[in-house]
Amino acid sequence: MNASPDSSLRPRPLRLAVIVLISLLFFSLFYSLGVWQIHRRAWKLDLIAKVHSRVHQPAVRAPRRPQWRAVNAAADEYLHVYASGTFLYDKQTLVQAVTDFGSGYWVLTPLRRDDGELVMVNRGFVLPEWRKQASPEQASGPVKVVGLMRMDEPKGAFLRHNEPAIDFWYTRDLQGIAAKRGLGAVAPYFIDMQGGPGVPPDPKTVPVPGLTRVHFPNNHLSYLLTWFALAAMTLVGGGLLWRDEWRRGKPAPLKK
């Protein structure tokens, strides 16, 4: 007489259903993340193409006050621009920075244009020794500034916050700095001054311009491959678990 298999070894429908549901849930999650990375990669490639196009175009006049409202990062950041005016050295601000030269500051100086408008200019990077000079080298009279348009940075750096009360800045918060210096209205962008040809100056004595890095990491291809691989592994792993659970209920073959 054939013995019936132990009921404890029979595949439990509820457990089989749970395996299927969990597998489908994780597959859907990983697959969705992979599709999202496809869109992110397309967006990043478009952004890189647009930015490089702006950087290498001939410089155009920086937006004047009537155009300020229309300025936005998506359309204007890293645009090659120029502006003429006079630097207000007594109103400049040092912003914490780290470059290949070491730890120091960006020198953010207001430029008063011929019609009185103010636009902030990042004149470059200096080391702490620059602050110790009795009278740092400064250009007198009207100047023409050429560089890249950058947007306001109102938020503090990661886990750090600007402290206007003690004049300590981690980001180029244009409106906050303007309020601290009593400048009134300033442009909603600043100009990253471009460097000249030849060897850069000594950041201990002169601001070093032209250190803006127009580089956007684009790791989205590796991310999307990772998510799709995890989605495939989820299906395979879920299928193996389902198979093992199903086999548990199959009775062993009877010996003759």
Protein backbone atom coordinates (compact mmCIF):
# COMPACT_ATOMS: atom_id res chain seq x y z
CA MET A 1 0.00 0.00 0.00
CA ASN A 2 1.32 3.43 -0.87
CA ALA A 3 1.94 5.76 2.07
CA SER A 4 0.60 9.28 1.70
CA PRO A 5 3.22 12.01 1.96
CA ASP A 6 3.54 13.88 5.22
CA SER A 7 1.14 16.83 5.10
CA SER A 8 3.87 19.05 6.61
CA LEU A 9 5.88 18.59 3.41
CA ARG A 10 3.13 19.64 1.05
CA PRO A 11 3.65 22.98 -0.68
CA ARG A 12 1.69 25.65 1.16
CA PRO A 13 -0.29 27.85 -1.26
CA LEU A 14 0.07 30.87 1.02
CA ARG A 15 3.85 30.56 1.12
CA LEU A 16 4.02 30.12 -2.65
CA ALA A 17 1.86 33.22 -3.10
CA VAL A 18 4.08 35.24 -0.71
CA ILE A 19 7.19 34.25 -2.66
CA VAL A 20 5.56 35.36 -5.92
CA LEU A 21 4.30 38.66 -4.48
CA ILE A 22 7.63 39.60 -2.86
CA SER A 23 9.54 38.69 -6.02
CA LEU A 24 7.21 40.80 -8.17
CA LEU A 25 7.40 43.70 -5.70
CA PHE A 26 11.19 43.84 -5.74
CA PHE A 27 11.31 43.24 -9.49
CA SER A 28 8.95 46.18 -10.05
CA LEU A 29 11.02 48.39 -7.73
CA PHE A 30 14.36 47.60 -9.36
CA TYR A 31 12.93 47.77 -12.88
CA SER A 32 11.36 51.18 -12.16
CA LEU A 33 14.67 52.49 -10.82
CA GLY A 34 16.40 51.25 -13.98
CA VAL A 35 13.87 53.05 -16.20
CA TRP A 36 14.28 56.20 -14.07
CA GLN A 37 18.04 56.08 -14.61
CA ILE A 38 17.48 55.86 -18.38
CA HIS A 39 15.59 59.17 -18.22
CA ARG A 40 18.20 60.67 -15.88
CA ARG A 41 20.98 59.70 -18.26
CA ALA A 42 19.19 61.30 -21.21
CA TRP A 43 18.66 64.48 -19.14
CA LYS A 44 22.32 64.56 -18.06
CA LEU A 45 23.64 64.10 -21.59
CA ASP A 46 21.40 66.94 -22.80
CA LEU A 47 22.60 69.16 -19.94
CA ILE A 48 26.27 68.44 -20.67
CA ALA A 49 25.79 69.24 -24.36
CA LYS A 50 24.01 72.52 -23.58
CA VAL A 51 26.56 73.65 -20.99
CA HIS A 52 29.55 72.92 -23.21
CA SER A 53 27.82 74.83 -26.01
CA ARG A 54 27.37 77.88 -23.73
CA VAL A 55 30.91 77.78 -22.38
CA HIS A 56 32.52 77.85 -25.81
CA GLN A 57 30.29 80.49 -27.36
CA PRO A 58 31.57 84.09 -27.72
CA ALA A 59 30.90 86.16 -24.61
CA VAL A 60 27.66 88.15 -24.56
CA ARG A 61 26.75 91.07 -22.30
CA ALA A 62 25.65 89.94 -18.86
CA PRO A 63 21.90 90.46 -18.28
CA ARG A 64 20.86 93.93 -17.11
CA ARG A 65 18.22 94.66 -14.46
CA PRO A 66 15.17 94.38 -16.80
CA GLN A 67 16.33 90.85 -17.67
CA TRP A 68 17.04 89.68 -14.14
CA ARG A 69 13.64 88.08 -13.63
CA ALA A 70 14.08 85.91 -16.70
CA VAL A 71 17.46 84.55 -15.58
CA ASN A 72 17.35 80.89 -14.58
CA ALA A 73 19.85 78.09 -14.10
CA ALA A 74 18.41 75.78 -16.76
CA ALA A 75 18.81 78.30 -19.57
CA ASP A 76 21.63 80.58 -18.43
CA GLU A 77 24.08 78.91 -16.06
CA TYR A 78 27.63 78.69 -17.48
CA LEU A 79 26.76 81.19 -20.20
CA HIS A 80 29.89 83.02 -21.40
CA VAL A 81 29.32 86.69 -20.47
CA TYR A 82 31.08 90.02 -19.93
CA ALA A 83 30.40 93.15 -17.88
CA SER A 84 32.18 96.47 -17.43
CA GLY A 85 32.35 98.68 -14.36
CA THR A 86 34.32 99.47 -11.22
CA PHE A 87 35.10 97.04 -8.42
CA LEU A 88 33.98 97.94 -4.89
CA TYR A 89 36.88 96.38 -3.06
CA ASP A 90 35.75 97.64 0.33
CA LYS A 91 32.56 95.56 -0.04
CA GLN A 92 34.13 92.26 -1.10
CA THR A 93 33.49 89.00 0.73
CA LEU A 94 35.55 85.86 1.27
CA VAL A 95 33.76 82.53 0.84
CA GLN A 96 35.23 79.26 2.10
CA ALA A 97 36.62 77.09 -0.72
CA VAL A 98 38.89 74.13 -1.43
CA THR A 99 40.76 73.83 -4.73
CA ASP A 100 43.86 72.10 -6.05
CA PHE A 101 45.85 74.88 -4.37
CA GLY A 102 44.50 73.90 -0.96
CA SER A 103 42.00 75.34 1.50
CA GLY A 104 41.24 79.05 1.19
CA TYR A 105 38.63 81.45 -0.14
CA TRP A 106 36.77 82.69 -3.19
CA VAL A 107 37.06 86.48 -3.43
CA LEU A 108 33.57 87.77 -4.24
CA THR A 109 33.68 91.46 -5.21
CA PRO A 110 30.75 93.68 -6.30
CA LEU A 111 31.12 95.33 -9.71
CA ARG A 112 29.27 98.62 -10.14
CA ARG A 113 28.29 98.96 -13.79
CA ASP A 114 28.07 102.30 -15.59
CA ASP A 115 24.35 102.64 -14.83
CA GLY A 116 24.80 101.82 -11.14
CA GLU A 117 23.68 98.19 -11.30
CA LEU A 118 25.62 95.78 -9.12
CA VAL A 119 26.76 92.31 -10.12
CA MET A 120 28.95 90.08 -7.98
CA VAL A 121 32.18 88.80 -9.49
CA ASN A 122 34.16 85.82 -8.25
CA ARG A 123 37.65 87.18 -8.87
CA GLY A 124 39.28 83.88 -8.03
CA PHE A 125 40.81 81.77 -5.28
CA VAL A 126 43.25 82.90 -2.57
CA LEU A 127 45.07 81.15 0.24
CA PRO A 128 44.79 82.42 3.84
CA GLU A 129 48.15 84.19 3.45
CA TRP A 130 46.50 86.64 1.02
CA ARG A 131 44.46 88.13 3.86
CA LYS A 132 47.62 89.07 5.75
CA GLN A 133 48.82 91.49 3.11
CA ALA A 134 48.71 95.15 4.12
CA SER A 135 47.25 96.21 0.75
CA PRO A 136 46.39 93.37 -1.66
CA GLU A 137 47.00 94.12 -5.32
CA GLN A 138 43.87 95.70 -6.79
CA ALA A 139 43.05 97.12 -10.20
CA SER A 140 41.95 100.75 -10.11
CA GLY A 141 39.45 102.38 -12.44
CA PRO A 142 37.02 100.75 -14.89
CA VAL A 143 37.54 97.10 -15.77
CA LYS A 144 35.97 94.61 -18.15
CA VAL A 145 35.19 91.24 -16.64
CA VAL A 146 34.75 88.13 -18.80
CA GLY A 147 33.69 84.80 -17.38
CA LEU A 148 30.91 82.29 -16.80
CA MET A 149 27.52 83.13 -15.39
CA ARG A 150 26.76 81.24 -12.20
CA MET A 151 23.62 81.20 -10.08
CA ASP A 152 22.97 82.37 -6.54
CA GLU A 153 23.79 79.81 -3.81
CA PRO A 154 21.39 80.70 -0.97
CA LYS A 155 21.63 77.39 0.85
CA GLY A 156 24.51 76.44 3.09
CA ALA A 157 26.96 73.69 2.29
CA PHE A 158 26.36 70.11 3.46
CA LEU A 159 25.94 70.17 7.25
CA ARG A 160 27.21 73.76 7.24
CA HIS A 161 25.33 77.02 7.25
CA ASN A 162 26.36 80.55 6.38
CA GLU A 163 26.71 82.79 9.43
CA PRO A 164 26.13 86.39 8.30
CA ALA A 165 26.32 87.71 11.86
CA ILE A 166 30.02 86.86 12.03
CA ASP A 167 30.61 87.29 8.29
CA PHE A 168 31.38 83.61 7.72
CA TRP A 169 30.28 82.15 4.38
CA TYR A 170 30.32 78.63 2.95
CA THR A 171 28.35 79.44 -0.22
CA ARG A 172 28.05 82.40 -2.55
CA ASP A 173 24.74 83.58 -1.14
CA LEU A 174 24.39 86.75 -3.20
CA GLN A 175 21.33 88.21 -1.49
CA GLY A 176 22.62 87.39 1.99
CA ILE A 177 26.01 88.92 1.25
CA ALA A 178 24.40 92.00 -0.34
CA ALA A 179 22.26 92.52 2.78
CA LYS A 180 25.29 92.13 5.04
CA ARG A 181 27.28 94.67 2.99
CA GLY A 182 24.37 97.08 2.61
CA LEU A 183 24.51 96.90 -1.18
CA GLY A 184 20.79 96.84 -1.92
CA ALA A 185 19.65 95.05 -5.08
CA VAL A 186 22.24 92.89 -6.85
CA ALA A 187 21.97 90.66 -9.92
CA PRO A 188 20.61 87.13 -9.21
CA TYR A 189 23.80 85.68 -10.67
CA PHE A 190 27.54 86.17 -10.31
CA ILE A 191 30.34 86.04 -12.86
CA ASP A 192 33.10 83.48 -12.43
CA MET A 193 36.01 85.44 -13.86
CA GLN A 194 38.02 83.55 -16.46
CA GLY A 195 41.76 83.12 -16.19
CA GLY A 196 44.34 84.47 -18.57
CA PRO A 197 46.94 82.57 -20.59
CA GLY A 198 50.19 81.39 -19.06
CA VAL A 199 51.10 80.27 -15.56
CA PRO A 200 48.47 81.04 -12.88
CA PRO A 201 49.45 83.70 -10.31
CA ASP A 202 50.42 82.87 -6.73
CA PRO A 203 47.20 82.50 -4.68
CA LYS A 204 49.12 83.81 -1.65
CA THR A 205 49.36 87.23 -3.28
CA VAL A 206 46.75 87.45 -6.09
CA PRO A 207 43.33 85.82 -6.65
CA VAL A 208 43.56 82.96 -9.15
CA PRO A 209 40.59 83.12 -11.57
CA GLY A 210 39.40 80.53 -14.05
CA LEU A 211 39.16 77.58 -11.66
CA THR A 212 35.54 76.74 -12.49
CA ARG A 213 35.25 73.06 -13.39
CA VAL A 214 32.59 72.46 -15.98
CA HIS A 215 32.30 68.76 -15.26
CA PHE A 216 29.18 66.78 -14.50
CA PRO A 217 29.58 63.18 -13.34
CA ASN A 218 27.55 60.84 -15.52
CA ASN A 219 27.35 57.42 -13.89
CA HIS A 220 23.76 56.75 -14.92
CA LEU A 221 24.67 53.96 -17.35
CA SER A 222 26.31 51.91 -14.60
CA TYR A 223 23.39 52.67 -12.27
CA LEU A 224 20.74 51.54 -14.76
CA LEU A 225 22.67 48.35 -15.54
CA THR A 226 22.88 47.64 -11.81
CA TRP A 227 19.14 48.12 -11.25
CA PHE A 228 18.20 45.97 -14.24
CA ALA A 229 20.63 43.27 -13.09
CA LEU A 230 19.03 43.29 -9.63
CA ALA A 231 15.59 43.04 -11.25
CA ALA A 232 16.70 39.97 -13.22
CA MET A 233 18.32 38.42 -10.13
CA THR A 234 15.10 38.95 -8.20
CA LEU A 235 13.12 36.97 -10.78
CA VAL A 236 15.69 34.18 -10.84
CA GLY A 237 15.96 34.02 -7.04
CA GLY A 238 12.19 34.10 -6.60
CA GLY A 239 11.79 31.36 -9.19
CA LEU A 240 14.30 29.13 -7.39
CA LEU A 241 12.59 29.65 -4.03
CA TRP A 242 9.20 28.88 -5.57
CA ARG A 243 10.59 25.69 -7.18
CA ASP A 244 12.16 24.50 -3.92
CA GLU A 245 8.96 25.14 -2.00
CA TRP A 246 6.93 23.27 -4.61
CA ARG A 247 9.30 20.29 -4.55
CA ARG A 248 8.96 19.97 -0.80
CA GLY A 249 5.48 18.54 -1.27
CA LYS A 250 6.36 15.93 -3.86
CA PRO A 251 6.47 12.44 -2.27
CA ALA A 252 9.61 10.42 -2.63
CA PRO A 253 9.35 7.55 -5.18
CA LEU A 254 8.39 4.22 -3.63
CA LYS A 255 10.95 1.45 -3.61
CA LYS A 256 9.93 -1.85 -5.15
